[in-house]
Amino acid sequence: MDMNDIREEYAAEFVEKYTNEFVKGLGGRSKLISETELRDEIRKVRDHNYDPMFMEMLFAMFQVFLKKYENGVRKYREAMDLTEVELGIHDKHFDILEGMIDYLETKPKKVAKIGADARHDKPGGSRAKRQAIRDIWASGKYDTRARCAEEESRALGMSLSTAIKALANTPSPAGRC
């Protein structure tokens, strides 16, 4: 049985009716295939009077193509997922590098501050000398900060300007206004 036999059995009018339904069913859904293009291809197939057996083989071939296409799409999606993972890894890599740079930039400052604090805080260091001259001023032994700084700075091993700065903004000794 060939297509002409089918058309004769079901009448050309019947076949044309379902052809129109099929073509209009696409209803502009595809920009790749126009209604005219599809009708022309259907006409060509009918002109060749393809055997139903050949149509079955053609349909089977399209089914194989569809499966391969679906596998291709699945693999493409897997590749995209892997790309997302790879991008995430690169983001983490840059985060780690930024952390390392921040650490390397701030570590010398922290180490220097620790060293400076240790040097200034040790007995006889600048903070101890500053506190000693303030204690002498607070004792009331001197009538002015300048005189206290002049006479005591050398004995404490401080420069005069450092002694004056250490006494700046200190309260007057108790009992003096």
N, C-alpha and C. Protein backbone atom coordinates (compact mmCIF):
# COMPACT_ATOMS: atom_id res chain seq x y z
N MET A 1 0.85 -1.17 0.00
CA MET A 1 0.00 0.00 0.00
C MET A 1 0.89 1.23 0.00
N ASP A 2 0.61 2.16 -0.95
CA ASP A 2 1.38 3.40 -0.98
C ASP A 2 0.47 4.58 -0.64
N MET A 3 1.02 5.77 -0.65
CA MET A 3 0.27 6.96 -0.24
C MET A 3 -0.93 7.21 -1.14
N ASN A 4 -0.78 6.92 -2.44
CA ASN A 4 -1.93 7.11 -3.34
C ASN A 4 -3.07 6.20 -2.94
N ASP A 5 -2.76 4.95 -2.55
CA ASP A 5 -3.80 4.03 -2.10
C ASP A 5 -4.49 4.58 -0.85
N ILE A 6 -3.70 5.14 0.05
CA ILE A 6 -4.27 5.71 1.27
C ILE A 6 -5.18 6.88 0.93
N ARG A 7 -4.70 7.74 0.02
CA ARG A 7 -5.50 8.90 -0.37
C ARG A 7 -6.81 8.46 -1.03
N GLU A 8 -6.72 7.42 -1.88
CA GLU A 8 -7.94 6.92 -2.54
C GLU A 8 -8.89 6.32 -1.52
N GLU A 9 -8.32 5.59 -0.56
CA GLU A 9 -9.17 4.92 0.42
C GLU A 9 -9.86 5.95 1.34
N TYR A 10 -9.12 6.95 1.76
CA TYR A 10 -9.68 7.93 2.69
C TYR A 10 -10.20 9.18 2.01
N ALA A 11 -9.97 9.28 0.75
CA ALA A 11 -10.38 10.42 -0.07
C ALA A 11 -9.40 11.56 0.13
N ALA A 12 -9.08 12.17 -0.97
CA ALA A 12 -8.12 13.27 -0.99
C ALA A 12 -8.59 14.41 -0.09
N GLU A 13 -9.88 14.60 -0.04
CA GLU A 13 -10.45 15.66 0.78
C GLU A 13 -10.13 15.46 2.26
N PHE A 14 -10.23 14.23 2.73
CA PHE A 14 -9.93 13.87 4.11
C PHE A 14 -8.46 14.13 4.42
N VAL A 15 -7.58 13.67 3.52
CA VAL A 15 -6.14 13.84 3.71
C VAL A 15 -5.79 15.32 3.72
N GLU A 16 -6.39 16.10 2.82
CA GLU A 16 -6.11 17.53 2.74
C GLU A 16 -6.57 18.24 4.01
N LYS A 17 -7.71 17.82 4.55
CA LYS A 17 -8.25 18.42 5.77
C LYS A 17 -7.25 18.27 6.91
N TYR A 18 -6.71 17.07 7.10
CA TYR A 18 -5.77 16.85 8.20
C TYR A 18 -4.40 17.47 7.92
N THR A 19 -4.07 17.59 6.65
CA THR A 19 -2.84 18.29 6.30
C THR A 19 -2.97 19.75 6.71
N ASN A 20 -4.10 20.37 6.41
CA ASN A 20 -4.33 21.77 6.77
C ASN A 20 -4.29 21.95 8.29
N GLU A 21 -4.90 21.03 9.02
CA GLU A 21 -4.90 21.10 10.48
C GLU A 21 -3.47 21.01 11.02
N PHE A 22 -2.70 20.11 10.43
CA PHE A 22 -1.30 19.94 10.85
C PHE A 22 -0.51 21.22 10.60
N VAL A 23 -0.63 21.77 9.39
CA VAL A 23 0.15 22.96 9.02
C VAL A 23 -0.29 24.16 9.86
N LYS A 24 -1.60 24.35 10.01
CA LYS A 24 -2.09 25.48 10.80
C LYS A 24 -1.79 25.29 12.28
N GLY A 25 -1.64 24.04 12.71
CA GLY A 25 -1.31 23.75 14.10
C GLY A 25 0.03 24.35 14.50
N LEU A 26 0.90 24.48 13.51
CA LEU A 26 2.18 25.15 13.80
C LEU A 26 1.95 26.63 14.05
N GLY A 27 0.93 27.18 13.38
CA GLY A 27 0.44 28.54 13.61
C GLY A 27 1.49 29.58 13.93
N GLY A 28 2.55 29.65 13.18
CA GLY A 28 3.56 30.68 13.40
C GLY A 28 4.42 30.43 14.62
N ARG A 29 4.40 29.22 15.16
CA ARG A 29 5.20 28.91 16.35
C ARG A 29 6.68 28.87 16.02
N SER A 30 6.98 28.58 14.79
CA SER A 30 8.39 28.45 14.42
C SER A 30 8.76 29.53 13.43
N LYS A 31 9.84 30.20 13.71
CA LYS A 31 10.36 31.20 12.78
C LYS A 31 11.26 30.52 11.75
N LEU A 32 11.62 29.29 12.03
CA LEU A 32 12.51 28.55 11.13
C LEU A 32 11.78 27.93 9.95
N ILE A 33 10.51 27.57 10.17
CA ILE A 33 9.75 26.89 9.11
C ILE A 33 8.48 27.68 8.84
N SER A 34 8.35 28.17 7.60
CA SER A 34 7.13 28.90 7.24
C SER A 34 6.06 27.91 6.80
N GLU A 35 4.80 28.35 6.81
CA GLU A 35 3.69 27.50 6.40
C GLU A 35 3.85 27.09 4.94
N THR A 36 4.28 28.03 4.11
CA THR A 36 4.47 27.74 2.68
C THR A 36 5.57 26.71 2.49
N GLU A 37 6.65 26.86 3.19
CA GLU A 37 7.77 25.92 3.08
C GLU A 37 7.33 24.52 3.48
N LEU A 38 6.55 24.41 4.55
CA LEU A 38 6.08 23.12 5.01
C LEU A 38 5.13 22.48 3.99
N ARG A 39 4.22 23.28 3.45
CA ARG A 39 3.29 22.75 2.43
C ARG A 39 4.04 22.25 1.20
N ASP A 40 5.07 23.00 0.79
CA ASP A 40 5.87 22.58 -0.37
C ASP A 40 6.54 21.23 -0.11
N GLU A 41 7.07 21.05 1.10
CA GLU A 41 7.74 19.78 1.42
C GLU A 41 6.73 18.63 1.46
N ILE A 42 5.54 18.90 2.01
CA ILE A 42 4.50 17.85 2.04
C ILE A 42 4.11 17.47 0.61
N ARG A 43 4.01 18.45 -0.27
CA ARG A 43 3.66 18.18 -1.67
C ARG A 43 4.74 17.33 -2.34
N LYS A 44 6.00 17.64 -2.06
CA LYS A 44 7.10 16.86 -2.65
C LYS A 44 7.04 15.40 -2.19
N VAL A 45 6.77 15.21 -0.89
CA VAL A 45 6.67 13.84 -0.37
C VAL A 45 5.55 13.11 -1.07
N ARG A 46 4.41 13.77 -1.24
CA ARG A 46 3.27 13.12 -1.90
C ARG A 46 3.56 12.83 -3.36
N ASP A 47 4.30 13.70 -4.00
CA ASP A 47 4.63 13.48 -5.41
C ASP A 47 5.48 12.23 -5.59
N HIS A 48 6.30 11.90 -4.61
CA HIS A 48 7.16 10.72 -4.72
C HIS A 48 6.42 9.43 -4.40
N ASN A 49 5.21 9.55 -3.87
CA ASN A 49 4.42 8.37 -3.50
C ASN A 49 5.22 7.43 -2.60
N TYR A 50 5.73 7.97 -1.55
CA TYR A 50 6.52 7.15 -0.64
C TYR A 50 5.69 6.00 -0.08
N ASP A 51 6.34 4.92 0.04
CA ASP A 51 5.76 3.72 0.65
C ASP A 51 5.59 3.97 2.15
N PRO A 52 4.53 3.45 2.78
CA PRO A 52 4.43 3.58 4.23
C PRO A 52 5.63 2.95 4.93
N MET A 53 6.19 1.90 4.36
CA MET A 53 7.35 1.26 4.98
C MET A 53 8.53 2.24 5.00
N PHE A 54 8.70 2.98 3.88
CA PHE A 54 9.77 3.97 3.83
C PHE A 54 9.51 5.07 4.84
N MET A 55 8.24 5.48 4.97
CA MET A 55 7.88 6.52 5.93
C MET A 55 8.18 6.05 7.35
N GLU A 56 7.94 4.77 7.64
CA GLU A 56 8.27 4.23 8.96
C GLU A 56 9.75 4.30 9.22
N MET A 57 10.54 3.95 8.17
CA MET A 57 12.00 4.00 8.34
C MET A 57 12.47 5.44 8.53
N LEU A 58 11.85 6.36 7.76
CA LEU A 58 12.21 7.77 7.89
C LEU A 58 11.85 8.27 9.30
N PHE A 59 10.67 7.89 9.78
CA PHE A 59 10.25 8.27 11.12
C PHE A 59 11.19 7.70 12.17
N ALA A 60 11.59 6.44 11.99
CA ALA A 60 12.53 5.81 12.93
C ALA A 60 13.85 6.56 12.93
N MET A 61 14.29 6.96 11.74
CA MET A 61 15.55 7.70 11.64
C MET A 61 15.43 9.03 12.40
N PHE A 62 14.29 9.72 12.26
CA PHE A 62 14.09 10.97 12.97
C PHE A 62 14.04 10.74 14.49
N GLN A 63 13.52 9.60 14.91
CA GLN A 63 13.50 9.28 16.33
C GLN A 63 14.93 9.12 16.85
N VAL A 64 15.78 8.47 16.05
CA VAL A 64 17.19 8.32 16.43
C VAL A 64 17.84 9.69 16.52
N PHE A 65 17.58 10.54 15.52
CA PHE A 65 18.14 11.89 15.54
C PHE A 65 17.68 12.65 16.79
N LEU A 66 16.41 12.49 17.13
CA LEU A 66 15.87 13.18 18.29
C LEU A 66 16.58 12.73 19.58
N LYS A 67 16.80 11.42 19.71
CA LYS A 67 17.50 10.91 20.89
C LYS A 67 18.92 11.45 20.97
N LYS A 68 19.58 11.48 19.79
CA LYS A 68 20.94 12.01 19.78
C LYS A 68 20.94 13.50 20.13
N TYR A 69 19.96 14.22 19.63
CA TYR A 69 19.84 15.64 19.95
C TYR A 69 19.61 15.83 21.45
N GLU A 70 18.70 15.01 22.01
CA GLU A 70 18.43 15.11 23.45
C GLU A 70 19.69 14.80 24.26
N ASN A 71 20.45 13.80 23.84
CA ASN A 71 21.72 13.48 24.52
C ASN A 71 22.69 14.64 24.41
N GLY A 72 22.72 15.26 23.22
CA GLY A 72 23.59 16.41 23.02
C GLY A 72 23.21 17.57 23.92
N VAL A 73 21.92 17.82 24.05
CA VAL A 73 21.45 18.89 24.92
C VAL A 73 21.81 18.58 26.38
N ARG A 74 21.62 17.33 26.79
CA ARG A 74 21.96 16.93 28.16
C ARG A 74 23.45 17.14 28.42
N LYS A 75 24.28 16.74 27.46
CA LYS A 75 25.73 16.92 27.63
C LYS A 75 26.10 18.40 27.66
N TYR A 76 25.42 19.19 26.85
CA TYR A 76 25.66 20.62 26.85
C TYR A 76 25.33 21.21 28.22
N ARG A 77 24.19 20.79 28.79
CA ARG A 77 23.80 21.28 30.11
C ARG A 77 24.81 20.85 31.17
N GLU A 78 25.30 19.61 31.07
CA GLU A 78 26.32 19.15 32.01
C GLU A 78 27.58 19.99 31.88
N ALA A 79 27.94 20.30 30.64
CA ALA A 79 29.13 21.13 30.41
C ALA A 79 28.92 22.52 31.01
N MET A 80 27.72 23.05 30.87
CA MET A 80 27.44 24.37 31.44
C MET A 80 27.52 24.31 32.97
N ASP A 81 27.01 23.21 33.55
CA ASP A 81 27.11 23.04 35.01
C ASP A 81 28.57 22.98 35.45
N LEU A 82 29.37 22.26 34.68
CA LEU A 82 30.80 22.18 35.01
C LEU A 82 31.46 23.55 34.89
N THR A 83 31.04 24.31 33.90
CA THR A 83 31.58 25.66 33.73
C THR A 83 31.22 26.52 34.93
N GLU A 84 29.99 26.38 35.43
CA GLU A 84 29.59 27.13 36.62
C GLU A 84 30.46 26.75 37.82
N VAL A 85 30.73 25.46 37.97
CA VAL A 85 31.59 25.00 39.06
C VAL A 85 32.99 25.59 38.90
N GLU A 86 33.49 25.56 37.67
CA GLU A 86 34.82 26.09 37.40
C GLU A 86 34.88 27.58 37.72
N LEU A 87 33.85 28.32 37.34
CA LEU A 87 33.82 29.75 37.65
C LEU A 87 33.80 29.97 39.17
N GLY A 88 33.06 29.13 39.88
CA GLY A 88 33.03 29.23 41.33
C GLY A 88 34.41 28.99 41.94
N ILE A 89 35.13 28.03 41.38
CA ILE A 89 36.49 27.74 41.85
C ILE A 89 37.40 28.93 41.60
N HIS A 90 37.27 29.54 40.43
CA HIS A 90 38.09 30.74 40.13
C HIS A 90 37.76 31.88 41.09
N ASP A 91 36.46 32.06 41.40
CA ASP A 91 36.08 33.10 42.35
C ASP A 91 36.74 32.86 43.71
N LYS A 92 36.70 31.60 44.17
CA LYS A 92 37.32 31.27 45.46
C LYS A 92 38.83 31.49 45.40
N HIS A 93 39.43 31.16 44.27
CA HIS A 93 40.88 31.35 44.10
C HIS A 93 41.22 32.83 44.27
N PHE A 94 40.43 33.71 43.63
CA PHE A 94 40.69 35.14 43.75
C PHE A 94 40.44 35.63 45.18
N ASP A 95 39.43 35.08 45.86
CA ASP A 95 39.19 35.44 47.25
C ASP A 95 40.40 35.08 48.11
N ILE A 96 40.96 33.90 47.88
CA ILE A 96 42.14 33.45 48.64
C ILE A 96 43.33 34.36 48.35
N LEU A 97 43.52 34.69 47.07
CA LEU A 97 44.64 35.58 46.72
C LEU A 97 44.48 36.95 47.38
N GLU A 98 43.26 37.48 47.37
CA GLU A 98 43.04 38.77 48.02
C GLU A 98 43.33 38.68 49.51
N GLY A 99 42.91 37.58 50.14
CA GLY A 99 43.19 37.39 51.56
C GLY A 99 44.69 37.33 51.84
N MET A 100 45.40 36.64 50.96
CA MET A 100 46.86 36.54 51.13
C MET A 100 47.51 37.92 50.97
N ILE A 101 47.05 38.68 50.00
CA ILE A 101 47.62 40.01 49.79
C ILE A 101 47.33 40.89 51.00
N ASP A 102 46.08 40.86 51.49
CA ASP A 102 45.74 41.65 52.68
C ASP A 102 46.61 41.26 53.86
N TYR A 103 46.80 39.95 54.05
CA TYR A 103 47.62 39.47 55.16
C TYR A 103 49.06 39.97 55.02
N LEU A 104 49.61 39.82 53.82
CA LEU A 104 51.00 40.23 53.60
C LEU A 104 51.18 41.74 53.72
N GLU A 105 50.14 42.50 53.38
CA GLU A 105 50.24 43.95 53.50
C GLU A 105 50.10 44.42 54.94
N THR A 106 49.30 43.73 55.75
CA THR A 106 49.06 44.19 57.12
C THR A 106 49.99 43.56 58.15
N LYS A 107 50.55 42.39 57.86
CA LYS A 107 51.40 41.71 58.83
C LYS A 107 52.62 42.56 59.23
N PRO A 108 53.37 43.15 58.29
CA PRO A 108 54.52 43.97 58.71
C PRO A 108 54.10 45.13 59.62
N LYS A 109 52.94 45.73 59.35
CA LYS A 109 52.47 46.83 60.19
C LYS A 109 52.18 46.33 61.60
N LYS A 110 51.53 45.17 61.70
CA LYS A 110 51.23 44.62 63.02
C LYS A 110 52.50 44.27 63.78
N VAL A 111 53.45 43.66 63.08
CA VAL A 111 54.72 43.28 63.71
C VAL A 111 55.47 44.54 64.16
N ALA A 112 55.46 45.58 63.32
CA ALA A 112 56.14 46.82 63.67
C ALA A 112 55.49 47.48 64.89
N LYS A 113 54.15 47.46 64.94
CA LYS A 113 53.45 48.04 66.08
C LYS A 113 53.77 47.28 67.36
N ILE A 114 53.79 45.96 67.28
CA ILE A 114 54.12 45.15 68.45
C ILE A 114 55.53 45.48 68.94
N GLY A 115 56.45 45.61 68.00
CA GLY A 115 57.84 45.94 68.36
C GLY A 115 57.96 47.33 68.97
N ALA A 116 57.26 48.30 68.36
CA ALA A 116 57.31 49.67 68.89
C ALA A 116 56.69 49.72 70.28
N ASP A 117 55.54 49.05 70.47
CA ASP A 117 54.92 49.03 71.80
C ASP A 117 55.85 48.40 72.82
N ALA A 118 56.50 47.32 72.45
CA ALA A 118 57.42 46.65 73.38
C ALA A 118 58.59 47.59 73.74
N ARG A 119 59.11 48.29 72.75
CA ARG A 119 60.23 49.20 72.99
C ARG A 119 59.80 50.37 73.88
N HIS A 120 58.62 50.95 73.62
CA HIS A 120 58.15 52.09 74.40
C HIS A 120 57.70 51.70 75.81
N ASP A 121 57.21 50.46 75.96
CA ASP A 121 56.68 50.01 77.25
C ASP A 121 57.74 49.42 78.18
N LYS A 122 58.91 49.11 77.68
CA LYS A 122 59.92 48.48 78.54
C LYS A 122 60.38 49.47 79.62
N PRO A 123 60.92 48.97 80.72
CA PRO A 123 61.40 49.87 81.78
C PRO A 123 62.46 50.81 81.21
N GLY A 124 62.27 52.10 81.47
CA GLY A 124 63.21 53.10 80.94
C GLY A 124 62.84 53.52 79.53
N GLY A 125 61.75 52.99 79.00
CA GLY A 125 61.29 53.36 77.67
C GLY A 125 60.59 54.71 77.67
N SER A 126 60.18 55.16 76.51
CA SER A 126 59.62 56.51 76.40
C SER A 126 58.34 56.70 77.20
N ARG A 127 57.52 55.66 77.29
CA ARG A 127 56.28 55.80 78.07
C ARG A 127 56.59 55.89 79.58
N ALA A 128 57.57 55.14 80.01
CA ALA A 128 57.97 55.20 81.43
C ALA A 128 58.57 56.58 81.75
N LYS A 129 59.38 57.12 80.83
CA LYS A 129 59.98 58.45 81.04
C LYS A 129 58.90 59.52 81.07
N ARG A 130 57.92 59.42 80.19
CA ARG A 130 56.83 60.40 80.14
C ARG A 130 56.04 60.36 81.46
N GLN A 131 55.78 59.15 81.95
CA GLN A 131 55.04 59.03 83.21
C GLN A 131 55.87 59.57 84.39
N ALA A 132 57.18 59.34 84.35
CA ALA A 132 58.07 59.82 85.43
C ALA A 132 58.06 61.34 85.51
N ILE A 133 58.16 62.02 84.36
CA ILE A 133 58.18 63.49 84.41
C ILE A 133 56.81 64.04 84.83
N ARG A 134 55.74 63.34 84.46
CA ARG A 134 54.40 63.76 84.91
C ARG A 134 54.26 63.59 86.43
N ASP A 135 54.81 62.48 86.93
CA ASP A 135 54.75 62.26 88.39
C ASP A 135 55.55 63.35 89.14
N ILE A 136 56.72 63.73 88.59
CA ILE A 136 57.53 64.80 89.22
C ILE A 136 56.74 66.10 89.21
N TRP A 137 56.10 66.44 88.11
CA TRP A 137 55.28 67.66 88.02
C TRP A 137 54.12 67.60 89.01
N ALA A 138 53.49 66.45 89.11
CA ALA A 138 52.35 66.31 90.01
C ALA A 138 52.76 66.41 91.49
N SER A 139 54.05 66.17 91.78
CA SER A 139 54.51 66.25 93.18
C SER A 139 54.51 67.68 93.71
N GLY A 140 54.49 68.68 92.82
CA GLY A 140 54.46 70.08 93.24
C GLY A 140 55.84 70.66 93.46
N LYS A 141 56.89 69.94 93.11
CA LYS A 141 58.28 70.39 93.30
C LYS A 141 58.59 71.63 92.46
N TYR A 142 57.95 71.81 91.32
CA TYR A 142 58.23 72.93 90.41
C TYR A 142 57.00 73.81 90.27
N ASP A 143 57.26 75.12 90.05
CA ASP A 143 56.14 76.05 89.93
C ASP A 143 55.62 76.18 88.49
N THR A 144 56.41 75.79 87.46
CA THR A 144 55.93 75.82 86.06
C THR A 144 56.31 74.53 85.37
N ARG A 145 55.55 74.22 84.37
CA ARG A 145 55.82 73.00 83.57
C ARG A 145 57.14 73.16 82.82
N ALA A 146 57.39 74.36 82.32
CA ALA A 146 58.62 74.60 81.54
C ALA A 146 59.85 74.38 82.42
N ARG A 147 59.82 74.88 83.67
CA ARG A 147 60.96 74.73 84.56
C ARG A 147 61.15 73.26 84.91
N CYS A 148 60.05 72.55 85.15
CA CYS A 148 60.12 71.12 85.45
C CYS A 148 60.76 70.38 84.28
N ALA A 149 60.33 70.71 83.06
CA ALA A 149 60.86 70.05 81.86
C ALA A 149 62.34 70.35 81.70
N GLU A 150 62.77 71.62 81.93
CA GLU A 150 64.18 72.00 81.77
C GLU A 150 65.09 71.25 82.75
N GLU A 151 64.69 71.16 83.98
CA GLU A 151 65.55 70.60 85.00
C GLU A 151 65.51 69.06 85.06
N GLU A 152 64.39 68.46 84.73
CA GLU A 152 64.26 67.01 84.88
C GLU A 152 64.51 66.22 83.59
N SER A 153 64.39 66.86 82.42
CA SER A 153 64.50 66.10 81.17
C SER A 153 65.86 65.43 81.01
N ARG A 154 66.93 66.16 81.32
CA ARG A 154 68.26 65.60 81.16
C ARG A 154 68.47 64.42 82.09
N ALA A 155 67.99 64.53 83.35
CA ALA A 155 68.16 63.45 84.32
C ALA A 155 67.40 62.19 83.90
N LEU A 156 66.27 62.38 83.18
CA LEU A 156 65.47 61.24 82.73
C LEU A 156 65.92 60.70 81.36
N GLY A 157 66.86 61.42 80.74
CA GLY A 157 67.34 60.98 79.42
C GLY A 157 66.35 61.32 78.31
N MET A 158 65.64 62.45 78.44
CA MET A 158 64.67 62.90 77.43
C MET A 158 65.14 64.22 76.85
N SER A 159 64.71 64.51 75.64
CA SER A 159 65.00 65.83 75.09
C SER A 159 64.04 66.81 75.75
N LEU A 160 64.42 68.09 75.73
CA LEU A 160 63.59 69.12 76.34
C LEU A 160 62.23 69.19 75.66
N SER A 161 62.19 69.12 74.32
CA SER A 161 60.90 69.23 73.60
C SER A 161 59.98 68.05 73.94
N THR A 162 60.56 66.85 74.13
CA THR A 162 59.74 65.69 74.49
C THR A 162 59.18 65.86 75.90
N ALA A 163 59.97 66.40 76.81
CA ALA A 163 59.52 66.63 78.18
C ALA A 163 58.39 67.66 78.20
N ILE A 164 58.53 68.75 77.41
CA ILE A 164 57.49 69.78 77.36
C ILE A 164 56.19 69.17 76.82
N LYS A 165 56.29 68.35 75.75
CA LYS A 165 55.10 67.70 75.18
C LYS A 165 54.46 66.75 76.19
N ALA A 166 55.28 66.05 77.00
CA ALA A 166 54.73 65.10 77.98
C ALA A 166 53.95 65.83 79.07
N LEU A 167 54.34 67.08 79.36
CA LEU A 167 53.67 67.85 80.43
C LEU A 167 52.50 68.69 79.90
N ALA A 168 52.36 68.77 78.60
CA ALA A 168 51.26 69.57 78.03
C ALA A 168 49.92 68.95 78.45
N ASN A 169 48.99 69.83 78.78
CA ASN A 169 47.61 69.44 79.15
C ASN A 169 47.52 68.57 80.41
N THR A 170 48.57 68.57 81.23
CA THR A 170 48.48 67.83 82.50
C THR A 170 47.86 68.76 83.53
N PRO A 171 47.16 68.21 84.52
CA PRO A 171 46.55 69.07 85.55
C PRO A 171 47.63 69.68 86.47
N SER A 172 47.29 70.79 87.03
CA SER A 172 48.22 71.42 87.99
C SER A 172 48.31 70.53 89.22
N PRO A 173 49.47 70.55 89.90
CA PRO A 173 49.63 69.72 91.09
C PRO A 173 48.54 70.03 92.13
N ALA A 174 48.26 69.07 92.95
CA ALA A 174 47.22 69.23 93.97
C ALA A 174 47.60 70.38 94.90
N GLY A 175 46.62 71.20 95.23
CA GLY A 175 46.85 72.34 96.11
C GLY A 175 47.26 73.57 95.37
N ARG A 176 47.42 73.50 94.06
CA ARG A 176 47.79 74.67 93.28
C ARG A 176 46.72 74.92 92.22
N CYS A 177 46.38 76.15 91.93
CA CYS A 177 45.36 76.47 90.93
C CYS A 177 45.92 76.97 89.65
